[in-house]
Protein backbone atom coordinates (compact mmCIF):
# COMPACT_ATOMS: atom_id res chain seq x y z
CA MET A 1 68.54 110.30 23.50
CA ASN A 2 67.70 113.84 24.18
CA PRO A 3 70.56 116.55 24.24
CA ILE A 4 71.34 117.89 27.72
CA GLU A 5 70.21 121.60 27.90
CA ILE A 6 72.20 124.09 30.10
CA VAL A 7 70.11 126.65 32.03
CA THR A 8 71.62 129.51 33.81
CA LEU A 9 69.79 130.86 36.87
CA SER A 10 70.46 133.73 38.99
CA LYS A 11 71.11 133.31 42.72
CA MET A 12 67.66 134.60 43.51
CA GLN A 13 66.07 132.22 40.92
CA LEU A 14 68.30 129.34 42.23
CA GLU A 15 67.18 129.90 46.07
CA GLN A 16 63.57 130.35 45.04
CA LEU A 17 63.81 126.92 43.13
CA LEU A 18 65.53 125.24 46.07
CA GLU A 19 62.99 126.60 48.54
CA GLU A 20 59.95 125.32 46.41
CA SER A 21 61.73 122.01 46.10
CA ALA A 22 62.13 121.84 49.93
CA ASN A 23 58.37 122.90 50.59
CA ARG A 24 57.23 119.92 48.11
CA ALA A 25 59.48 117.56 49.83
CA VAL A 26 58.12 118.60 53.29
CA GLN A 27 54.63 118.61 52.01
CA LYS A 28 55.04 115.05 50.42
CA LEU A 29 56.57 113.69 53.55
CA SER A 30 53.81 115.24 55.88
CA ASP A 31 51.17 113.49 53.40
CA GLN A 32 52.73 110.39 53.80
CA GLN A 33 53.02 110.27 57.52
CA ALA A 34 51.38 107.33 59.17
CA ARG A 35 48.62 106.94 61.42
CA TRP A 36 48.93 104.26 64.07
CA LEU A 37 45.93 102.19 64.87
CA GLN A 38 45.29 99.73 67.64
CA ARG A 39 44.28 96.24 66.43
CA PRO A 40 40.52 96.56 66.43
CA VAL A 41 40.54 99.71 64.79
CA ALA A 42 43.06 98.50 62.13
CA ALA A 43 40.77 95.52 61.60
CA SER A 44 37.72 98.03 61.02
CA TYR A 45 40.07 100.13 58.71
CA LEU A 46 40.27 97.17 56.66
CA GLY A 47 36.71 96.01 56.72
CA ILE A 48 37.53 92.71 58.59
CA ASP A 49 37.40 91.53 62.12
CA ALA A 50 40.35 91.33 64.41
CA VAL A 51 40.83 87.72 64.53
CA THR A 52 40.90 87.88 60.79
CA LEU A 53 43.50 90.56 61.02
CA ASP A 54 45.72 88.43 63.26
CA LYS A 55 45.50 85.57 60.66
CA TYR A 56 46.58 87.92 57.75
CA THR A 57 49.25 89.14 60.01
CA ILE A 58 50.66 85.88 60.46
CA ARG A 59 50.10 84.53 56.75
CA ASP A 60 51.22 87.81 55.03
CA GLY A 61 53.38 89.22 57.51
CA ILE A 62 51.62 92.37 57.84
CA PRO A 63 54.10 94.74 60.26
CA TYR A 64 52.88 95.95 63.34
CA HIS A 65 54.74 97.71 66.39
CA THR A 66 54.41 96.73 69.98
CA PRO A 67 55.50 99.53 72.21
CA ARG A 68 57.90 98.61 75.06
CA ASN A 69 56.38 96.89 78.11
CA SER A 70 53.11 96.52 76.22
CA LYS A 71 51.00 93.65 74.63
CA LEU A 72 49.40 96.39 72.45
CA LYS A 73 49.55 95.85 68.50
CA LEU A 74 49.88 99.00 66.63
CA TYR A 75 49.36 98.99 62.95
CA ASN A 76 50.60 101.54 60.50
CA THR A 77 47.96 102.74 57.99
CA ILE A 78 50.64 102.91 55.18
CA ASP A 79 51.54 99.23 55.72
CA LEU A 80 47.57 98.52 55.71
CA ASP A 81 47.05 100.25 52.56
CA ALA A 82 50.00 98.62 50.99
CA TRP A 83 48.53 95.14 52.21
CA GLY A 84 45.30 96.13 50.50
CA ARG A 85 46.90 96.85 47.36
CA GLY A 86 48.26 93.23 47.37
CA GLU A 87 51.67 93.96 48.62
CA VAL A 88 52.91 91.32 51.04
CA TRP A 89 55.99 91.06 53.43
CA LYS A 90 57.88 87.72 54.44
């Protein structure tokens, strides 16, 4: 086990470190923002047809969102990418 090292920072250095950390967190969050795709576009995104996407959605439980008072299915690109990596939901 490595010994703990104590570092002393000035107020200005600490503020700069916190600001850089916050900026990295905001950038990471914005990079992970999902794009929402309608069913046919989501199928095309995966390189399959819409009927096959429906089958995979039922079989693998790919999450989708249906806006209130709508029959529209919206798929999150983050979920589609996860499914493409072999992650499944049940």
